[in-house]
Protein backbone atom coordinates (compact mmCIF):
# COMPACT_ATOMS: atom_id res chain seq x y z
CA UNK A 1 38.89 -45.71 28.11
CA UNK A 2 39.22 -42.30 29.24
CA UNK A 3 39.85 -41.59 33.01
CA UNK A 4 36.88 -39.85 34.78
CA UNK A 5 37.93 -36.57 36.39
CA UNK A 6 36.36 -34.97 39.26
CA UNK A 7 33.34 -32.87 38.02
CA UNK A 8 33.79 -28.81 37.81
CA UNK A 9 31.74 -27.48 40.88
CA UNK A 10 28.75 -25.66 39.43
CA UNK A 11 29.61 -22.49 38.68
CA UNK A 12 26.37 -21.19 37.34
CA UNK A 13 23.35 -22.43 36.44
CA UNK A 14 24.91 -23.15 33.04
CA UNK A 15 28.14 -24.87 34.29
CA UNK A 16 26.34 -27.55 36.05
CA UNK A 17 28.37 -30.75 34.99
CA UNK A 18 26.77 -32.84 32.26
CA UNK A 19 27.58 -36.80 32.12
CA UNK A 20 28.12 -36.66 28.44
CA UNK A 21 30.42 -33.67 28.64
CA UNK A 22 34.51 -34.62 28.27
CA UNK A 23 35.66 -31.14 28.41
CA UNK A 24 34.26 -27.97 29.66
CA UNK A 25 35.70 -24.30 29.13
CA UNK A 26 34.24 -21.15 30.28
CA UNK A 27 34.95 -17.84 28.40
CA UNK A 28 33.63 -14.07 30.17
CA UNK A 29 33.18 -11.19 27.56
CA UNK A 30 33.76 -7.94 29.12
CA UNK A 31 32.79 -4.72 27.32
CA UNK A 32 31.24 -1.29 27.81
CA UNK A 33 27.52 -0.66 26.56
CA UNK A 34 27.46 -0.65 23.21
CA UNK A 35 30.73 -2.19 22.70
CA UNK A 36 28.96 -5.24 20.63
CA UNK A 37 28.97 -8.19 23.22
CA UNK A 38 25.51 -9.23 22.44
CA UNK A 39 25.72 -8.68 18.44
CA UNK A 40 28.94 -10.69 18.81
CA UNK A 41 27.36 -13.50 20.84
CA UNK A 42 24.24 -13.80 18.47
CA UNK A 43 26.52 -13.50 15.35
CA UNK A 44 28.74 -16.67 16.73
CA UNK A 45 25.69 -18.65 17.01
CA UNK A 46 23.92 -17.82 14.11
CA UNK A 47 27.15 -18.90 12.46
CA UNK A 48 27.14 -22.34 13.87
CA UNK A 49 23.33 -23.07 12.97
CA UNK A 50 24.19 -22.43 9.36
CA UNK A 51 27.51 -24.45 9.24
CA UNK A 52 25.17 -27.12 10.81
CA UNK A 53 22.37 -26.74 8.12
CA UNK A 54 24.85 -26.79 5.65
CA UNK A 55 27.15 -29.45 6.95
CA UNK A 56 30.25 -27.73 6.36
CA UNK A 57 31.79 -27.99 9.77
CA UNK A 58 33.42 -30.81 11.50
CA UNK A 59 30.88 -30.43 14.53
CA UNK A 60 27.52 -29.10 15.39
CA UNK A 61 27.20 -25.92 18.03
CA UNK A 62 23.79 -26.17 19.96
CA UNK A 63 22.56 -23.99 22.95
CA UNK A 64 21.49 -26.03 25.52
CA UNK A 65 18.82 -23.84 26.78
CA UNK A 66 15.88 -23.72 24.14
CA UNK A 67 14.83 -20.15 25.31
CA UNK A 68 18.12 -19.00 24.55
CA UNK A 69 18.67 -21.00 21.11
CA UNK A 70 15.24 -19.16 19.76
CA UNK A 71 16.73 -15.62 20.81
CA UNK A 72 19.77 -16.00 19.54
CA UNK A 73 19.08 -17.19 16.33
CA UNK A 74 16.17 -14.76 15.99
CA UNK A 75 18.67 -12.07 17.01
CA UNK A 76 20.77 -13.52 14.17
CA UNK A 77 18.12 -13.44 11.54
CA UNK A 78 17.34 -10.20 12.53
CA UNK A 79 20.52 -8.79 11.20
CA UNK A 80 20.96 -11.14 8.21
CA UNK A 81 17.11 -10.59 6.80
CA UNK A 82 16.18 -7.00 8.02
CA UNK A 83 19.77 -5.39 8.92
CA UNK A 84 18.28 -5.10 12.70
CA UNK A 85 20.98 -5.00 15.42
CA UNK A 86 20.09 -6.90 18.50
CA UNK A 87 18.99 -4.96 21.53
CA UNK A 88 21.55 -4.83 24.31
CA UNK A 89 21.61 -7.09 27.14
CA UNK A 90 20.41 -4.53 29.86
CA UNK A 91 18.74 -6.34 33.07
CA UNK A 92 19.51 -9.98 32.97
CA UNK A 93 22.99 -11.48 33.69
CA UNK A 94 22.78 -15.15 31.47
CA UNK A 95 25.03 -17.38 30.74
CA UNK A 96 24.66 -19.27 27.77
CA UNK A 97 26.00 -22.99 27.74
CA UNK A 98 26.88 -24.48 24.01
CA UNK A 99 27.35 -28.39 23.52
CA UNK A 100 29.69 -29.07 20.67
CA UNK A 101 29.14 -32.69 19.55
CA UNK A 102 29.82 -35.07 16.70
CA UNK A 103 27.90 -34.12 13.57
CA UNK A 104 25.24 -36.85 12.87
CA UNK A 105 26.25 -39.37 10.47
CA UNK A 106 29.98 -39.08 10.97
CA UNK A 107 31.58 -42.49 12.40
CA UNK A 108 32.39 -42.68 15.83
CA UNK A 109 35.67 -44.74 17.66
CA UNK A 110 34.81 -47.99 18.01
CA UNK A 111 33.73 -48.49 21.98
CA UNK A 112 33.97 -44.63 22.56
CA UNK A 113 30.78 -43.31 23.99
CA UNK A 114 29.25 -40.16 22.71
CA UNK A 115 30.50 -37.25 24.11
CA UNK A 116 30.50 -33.76 23.83
CA UNK A 117 32.70 -30.56 24.47
CA UNK A 118 31.06 -27.62 26.06
CA UNK A 119 31.21 -23.70 25.80
CA UNK A 120 30.22 -21.82 28.68
CA UNK A 121 29.72 -18.30 27.61
CA UNK A 122 29.12 -15.63 30.44
CA UNK A 123 27.35 -12.19 29.86
CA UNK A 124 26.13 -9.16 31.45
CA UNK A 125 24.36 -5.71 30.95
CA UNK A 126 27.47 -3.18 29.49
CA UNK A 127 26.14 -0.56 31.44
CA UNK A 128 27.05 -2.22 35.18
CA UNK A 129 30.79 -1.33 34.85
CA UNK A 130 29.69 2.56 33.93
CA UNK A 131 27.18 3.39 36.76
CA UNK A 132 26.12 2.92 40.44
CA UNK A 133 23.10 -0.05 40.60
CA UNK A 134 19.88 1.18 40.38
CA UNK A 135 18.56 -0.27 43.76
CA UNK A 136 19.87 -3.02 46.08
CA UNK A 137 18.32 -5.77 44.08
CA UNK A 138 20.49 -4.85 41.20
CA UNK A 139 23.53 -4.67 43.29
CA UNK A 140 23.10 -8.19 44.33
CA UNK A 141 22.82 -9.62 40.85
CA UNK A 142 25.52 -7.37 39.59
CA UNK A 143 27.71 -8.91 42.75
CA UNK A 144 26.21 -12.13 41.67
CA UNK A 145 26.81 -11.92 38.18
CA UNK A 146 30.57 -10.78 38.67
CA UNK A 147 31.38 -13.52 40.81
CA UNK A 148 30.35 -15.91 37.79
CA UNK A 149 32.13 -14.12 35.32
CA UNK A 150 35.66 -14.45 37.34
CA UNK A 151 35.03 -17.85 37.45
CA UNK A 152 35.86 -18.36 33.61
CA UNK A 153 38.97 -19.83 32.35
CA UNK A 154 39.32 -17.19 29.73
CA UNK A 155 38.48 -13.40 29.56
CA UNK A 156 37.91 -11.09 26.85
CA UNK A 157 37.84 -7.48 27.19
CA UNK A 158 36.52 -5.54 24.59
CA UNK A 159 37.97 -2.46 22.65
CA UNK A 160 35.46 -0.94 20.55
CA UNK A 161 36.48 -0.05 17.14
CA UNK A 162 34.07 2.66 16.50
CA UNK A 163 35.18 4.33 19.95
CA UNK A 164 38.71 4.21 18.63
CA UNK A 165 37.44 5.98 15.29
CA UNK A 166 35.62 8.32 17.24
CA UNK A 167 39.27 9.36 19.07
CA UNK A 168 41.21 8.96 15.67
CA UNK A 169 44.55 10.81 17.17
CA UNK A 170 43.97 10.59 20.66
CA UNK A 171 42.98 7.12 21.24
CA UNK A 172 44.27 6.99 24.53
CA UNK A 173 41.76 9.13 25.82
CA UNK A 174 39.09 6.17 25.06
CA UNK A 175 41.45 3.57 25.92
CA UNK A 176 42.31 5.16 29.59
CA UNK A 177 38.61 5.45 30.11
CA UNK A 178 38.27 2.10 29.34
CA UNK A 179 41.06 0.23 31.82
CA UNK A 180 40.52 3.09 34.20
CA UNK A 181 36.50 2.31 34.39
CA UNK A 182 36.96 -1.32 34.52
CA UNK A 183 39.59 -1.28 36.92
CA UNK A 184 37.49 1.05 39.41
CA UNK A 185 34.32 -1.08 38.98
CA UNK A 186 36.68 -4.35 39.93
CA UNK A 187 38.21 -2.64 43.04
CA UNK A 188 34.75 -1.45 44.16
CA UNK A 189 33.10 -4.90 44.33
CA UNK A 190 36.48 -6.55 45.92
CA UNK A 191 34.92 -6.92 49.31
CA UNK A 192 32.20 -8.92 47.97
CA UNK A 193 34.05 -10.60 45.21
CA UNK A 194 36.80 -11.94 47.56
CA UNK A 195 36.36 -14.85 50.12
CA UNK A 196 36.60 -13.47 53.59
CA UNK A 197 39.55 -11.36 52.07
CA UNK A 198 41.41 -14.20 50.67
CA UNK A 199 42.95 -13.87 47.23
CA UNK A 200 41.15 -16.20 44.75
CA UNK A 201 42.43 -19.32 43.06
CA UNK A 202 39.61 -20.03 40.55
CA UNK A 203 39.90 -16.72 37.93
CA UNK A 204 40.59 -15.91 34.50
CA UNK A 205 44.22 -16.14 34.38
CA UNK A 206 43.88 -15.13 30.75
CA UNK A 207 42.87 -12.00 29.71
CA UNK A 208 42.80 -10.89 26.01
CA UNK A 209 42.27 -7.34 24.30
CA UNK A 210 39.88 -7.62 21.80
CA UNK A 211 39.05 -5.31 18.78
CA UNK A 212 35.19 -5.45 18.63
CA UNK A 213 33.70 -3.92 15.30
CA UNK A 214 37.09 -4.57 13.69
CA UNK A 215 35.57 -4.10 10.14
CA UNK A 216 35.48 -0.25 10.96
CA UNK A 217 39.56 -0.43 11.20
CA UNK A 218 39.93 -3.03 7.98
CA UNK A 219 43.94 -2.31 7.90
CA UNK A 220 44.20 -2.80 11.34
CA UNK A 221 46.09 -6.43 12.44
CA UNK A 222 46.37 -7.80 15.81
CA UNK A 223 50.13 -6.61 15.97
CA UNK A 224 48.98 -3.04 15.18
CA UNK A 225 46.60 -3.33 17.82
CA UNK A 226 48.91 -4.51 20.35
CA UNK A 227 50.97 -1.54 19.42
CA UNK A 228 48.59 0.98 19.49
CA UNK A 229 47.55 -0.23 23.14
CA UNK A 230 50.69 -0.38 24.53
CA UNK A 231 52.16 2.85 22.99
CA UNK A 232 48.99 4.97 24.07
CA UNK A 233 48.17 3.09 27.43
CA UNK A 234 51.34 1.06 28.48
CA UNK A 235 51.25 2.62 31.78
CA UNK A 236 47.07 1.87 32.30
CA UNK A 237 47.64 -1.60 31.20
CA UNK A 238 50.20 -2.15 33.84
CA UNK A 239 48.09 -0.68 36.53
CA UNK A 240 45.00 -2.73 35.33
CA UNK A 241 47.23 -6.05 35.35
CA UNK A 242 48.34 -5.17 38.91
CA UNK A 243 44.63 -4.93 39.96
CA UNK A 244 43.97 -8.18 38.42
CA UNK A 245 46.70 -9.79 40.30
CA UNK A 246 45.40 -8.13 43.55
CA UNK A 247 42.52 -10.64 43.50
CA UNK A 248 44.29 -13.79 43.23
CA UNK A 249 46.51 -16.06 44.85
CA UNK A 250 49.77 -16.82 42.74
CA UNK A 251 49.50 -13.74 40.78
CA UNK A 252 52.38 -14.67 38.53
CA UNK A 253 50.27 -17.18 36.97
CA UNK A 254 48.01 -14.65 34.97
CA UNK A 255 48.47 -13.24 31.59
CA UNK A 256 47.04 -9.73 30.28
CA UNK A 257 48.08 -7.42 27.75
CA UNK A 258 49.87 -10.14 26.51
CA UNK A 259 47.20 -11.76 23.65
CA UNK A 260 45.22 -9.71 21.26
CA UNK A 261 42.47 -10.84 18.81
CA UNK A 262 40.32 -9.08 16.08
CA UNK A 263 36.57 -9.59 16.48
CA UNK A 264 33.79 -8.63 13.89
CA UNK A 265 30.46 -9.80 13.88
CA UNK A 266 29.18 -8.76 10.12
CA UNK A 267 29.92 -5.89 7.86
CA UNK A 268 27.43 -2.98 8.73
CA UNK A 269 26.23 -0.90 5.84
CA UNK A 270 23.21 1.51 5.90
CA UNK A 271 20.18 -0.61 6.04
CA UNK A 272 22.18 -3.95 5.42
CA UNK A 273 24.18 -6.26 7.42
CA UNK A 274 26.48 -8.75 5.77
CA UNK A 275 26.66 -11.70 8.32
CA UNK A 276 28.70 -13.56 6.20
CA UNK A 277 31.52 -11.08 6.31
CA UNK A 278 32.87 -11.94 10.24
CA UNK A 279 36.60 -11.78 11.65
CA UNK A 280 37.61 -13.87 14.29
CA UNK A 281 34.63 -15.40 15.64
CA UNK A 282 35.33 -18.83 14.41
CA UNK A 283 38.61 -18.19 17.25
CA UNK A 284 36.34 -17.91 20.08
CA UNK A 285 35.84 -21.55 20.83
CA UNK A 286 39.79 -22.53 20.26
CA UNK A 287 40.58 -19.66 22.26
CA UNK A 288 38.59 -20.94 25.33
CA UNK A 289 39.72 -24.49 24.85
CA UNK A 290 43.38 -24.41 24.01
CA UNK A 291 44.69 -20.84 24.66
CA UNK A 292 44.98 -21.85 28.46
CA UNK A 293 46.24 -25.25 27.79
CA UNK A 294 50.32 -24.64 27.57
CA UNK A 295 50.19 -21.37 30.34
CA UNK A 296 48.55 -23.53 32.83
CA UNK A 297 51.17 -26.56 32.22
CA UNK A 298 54.13 -24.05 32.36
CA UNK A 299 52.65 -22.28 35.62
CA UNK A 300 51.97 -25.44 37.51
CA UNK A 301 55.41 -26.98 36.72
CA UNK A 302 56.84 -23.80 38.34
CA UNK A 303 54.72 -24.74 41.30
CA UNK A 304 55.50 -27.96 41.58
CA UNK A 305 56.42 -27.86 45.34
CA UNK A 306 52.85 -27.68 45.99
CA UNK A 307 49.93 -25.45 46.15
CA UNK A 308 46.09 -24.99 45.27
CA UNK A 309 46.95 -23.07 42.68
CA UNK A 310 48.98 -25.61 41.38
CA UNK A 311 46.54 -28.08 41.95
CA UNK A 312 43.64 -25.91 40.02
CA UNK A 313 45.83 -25.42 37.34
CA UNK A 314 46.78 -29.28 36.84
CA UNK A 315 43.35 -30.34 37.32
CA UNK A 316 42.31 -28.00 33.96
CA UNK A 317 45.63 -29.39 32.03
CA UNK A 318 45.94 -32.93 32.60
CA UNK A 319 42.25 -34.04 31.53
CA UNK A 320 43.19 -32.06 28.20
CA UNK A 321 46.33 -34.05 27.55
CA UNK A 322 44.24 -37.22 28.35
CA UNK A 323 41.61 -36.30 25.63
CA UNK A 324 44.66 -36.14 23.60
CA UNK A 325 45.56 -39.65 24.00
CA UNK A 326 48.92 -38.85 25.13
CA UNK A 327 48.90 -39.57 29.00
CA UNK A 328 47.41 -42.71 30.68
CA UNK A 329 47.25 -41.68 34.24
CA UNK A 330 47.37 -44.24 36.59
CA UNK A 331 44.21 -45.06 38.73
CA UNK A 332 45.48 -44.13 41.76
CA UNK A 333 45.58 -40.79 40.68
CA UNK A 334 42.84 -40.47 38.58
CA UNK A 335 41.21 -38.49 41.51
CA UNK A 336 43.96 -35.90 41.79
CA UNK A 337 43.85 -37.00 45.31
CA UNK A 338 47.53 -37.70 45.77
CA UNK A 339 50.00 -35.04 47.29
CA UNK A 340 50.13 -31.98 44.40
CA UNK A 341 54.16 -32.64 44.19
CA UNK A 342 54.08 -36.29 43.35
CA UNK A 343 51.20 -35.69 40.91
CA UNK A 344 52.94 -32.58 39.09
CA UNK A 345 56.39 -34.51 39.27
CA UNK A 346 54.45 -37.57 37.25
CA UNK A 347 52.44 -35.33 34.83
CA UNK A 348 54.88 -32.69 34.41
CA UNK A 349 57.29 -34.38 31.67
CA UNK A 350 54.30 -35.57 29.57
CA UNK A 351 52.42 -32.40 30.05
CA UNK A 352 55.10 -30.10 28.96
CA UNK A 353 56.15 -32.40 25.92
CA UNK A 354 52.27 -32.22 24.59
CA UNK A 355 52.45 -28.63 25.58
CA UNK A 356 55.61 -28.23 23.78
CA UNK A 357 54.44 -30.41 20.88
CA UNK A 358 51.35 -28.20 20.05
CA UNK A 359 53.56 -24.96 20.33
CA UNK A 360 56.06 -25.98 17.74
CA UNK A 361 53.36 -26.90 15.25
CA UNK A 362 52.60 -30.58 15.74
CA UNK A 363 49.17 -29.73 16.07
CA UNK A 364 48.46 -31.56 12.62
CA UNK A 365 50.20 -34.88 13.78
CA UNK A 366 47.71 -34.86 16.78
CA UNK A 367 44.47 -34.17 14.54
CA UNK A 368 45.57 -36.44 11.83
CA UNK A 369 46.09 -39.30 14.30
CA UNK A 370 42.77 -38.50 16.13
CA UNK A 371 40.85 -38.39 13.02
CA UNK A 372 42.00 -41.65 11.50
CA UNK A 373 40.56 -43.00 15.10
CA UNK A 374 37.41 -41.27 14.43
CA UNK A 375 38.18 -39.68 18.07
CA UNK A 376 36.22 -36.87 17.76
CA UNK A 377 36.91 -35.09 21.18
CA UNK A 378 40.59 -35.54 20.45
CA UNK A 379 40.43 -34.13 17.03
CA UNK A 380 38.20 -31.15 17.66
CA UNK A 381 40.66 -30.06 20.53
CA UNK A 382 43.79 -30.85 17.80
CA UNK A 383 41.41 -28.90 15.12
CA UNK A 384 41.14 -25.73 17.57
CA UNK A 385 45.13 -25.77 18.05
CA UNK A 386 45.31 -25.71 14.27
CA UNK A 387 42.29 -23.00 13.99
CA UNK A 388 44.61 -21.01 16.48
CA UNK A 389 47.60 -21.01 14.33
CA UNK A 390 45.90 -20.01 11.35
CA UNK A 391 44.56 -16.87 12.99
CA UNK A 392 48.16 -16.22 14.01
CA UNK A 393 49.15 -16.79 10.63
CA UNK A 394 46.43 -14.27 9.18
CA UNK A 395 47.24 -11.75 11.77
CA UNK A 396 43.89 -12.02 13.47
CA UNK A 397 45.21 -13.70 16.40
CA UNK A 398 48.49 -12.41 18.25
CA UNK A 399 49.64 -14.76 21.32
CA UNK A 400 51.94 -14.30 23.98
CA UNK A 401 55.28 -15.70 23.51
CA UNK A 402 55.99 -17.30 26.54
């Protein structure tokens, strides 16, 4: 039986723990107005619904809020049937919770209670990073929203493919403006975001740069995206990383400018949107669920002498290892209540072995074993790791070598 770990705190209305949730990951998608955040979200969900209807996926994805379920699918159908682009998010600051559950009719592991995985996707109005609040109420909502965004596990910063095309040959003009505007906005919110001025423990410690509307640049792969960004604005990447590091405790446990992904919601033509032609959207769940794992393990082991950050990292990494059925924690440490040094000393070799096995391409072994045992959670997580590996092979994803 899987040990019960302490529930994560309610970080937003959508992230309050559910008793049947085995694993929750949160992703925050940052992007300027018009960069494609709303389209990405709608296409992500619409495609998931269609796979559920056709029965072609190994799991079902369902928006937990009925109203969001309707609006997201309506957006998707508007693109598919009428070639209509969804209206940009303007005055709301929603978080979207998606249950990832075993398909009905599939065999479950004997004696295993039904458990879901969960993705929480944080959204916000893009113009909030580009102008001052209109009034005190909007200022308050903006601050509350960014507090929520900065509790995510993974952050994705969108690089708008259309804007790159508009600045062809002078891409640095757009890229500098993008990084500088987000950096300036974060700096302006520092006093409101920090807890009594103290560095944050909970913070997105993995930030990906993602090329949205990548269909407009069909010849660019993830490696070429990295080369373009670092060639044109390497200095600004370092500056933005420094800003992020200034917000957090243990700033060495942070990655920015190391991971790149291509995203495209559809192929857009005059009066027509080909929603079946997507790039990278199927990687967002695996990125949120699995990308932090190996780095959290490595960072936690470096901090084995003990810190609140090490506890936070182990708290996130250890349950995933348990779900992959490779670690059985002794009851005395199930609640993570012992000294952090002893905890990390106990878990370190096992966690490190799992992380190394996954990094060395042994995810297929994990998946085959879990599938044979009809273990939905473990097989889905291992499958996510395989999805990431395939994304790298197709050059849609570029992961940090560390």
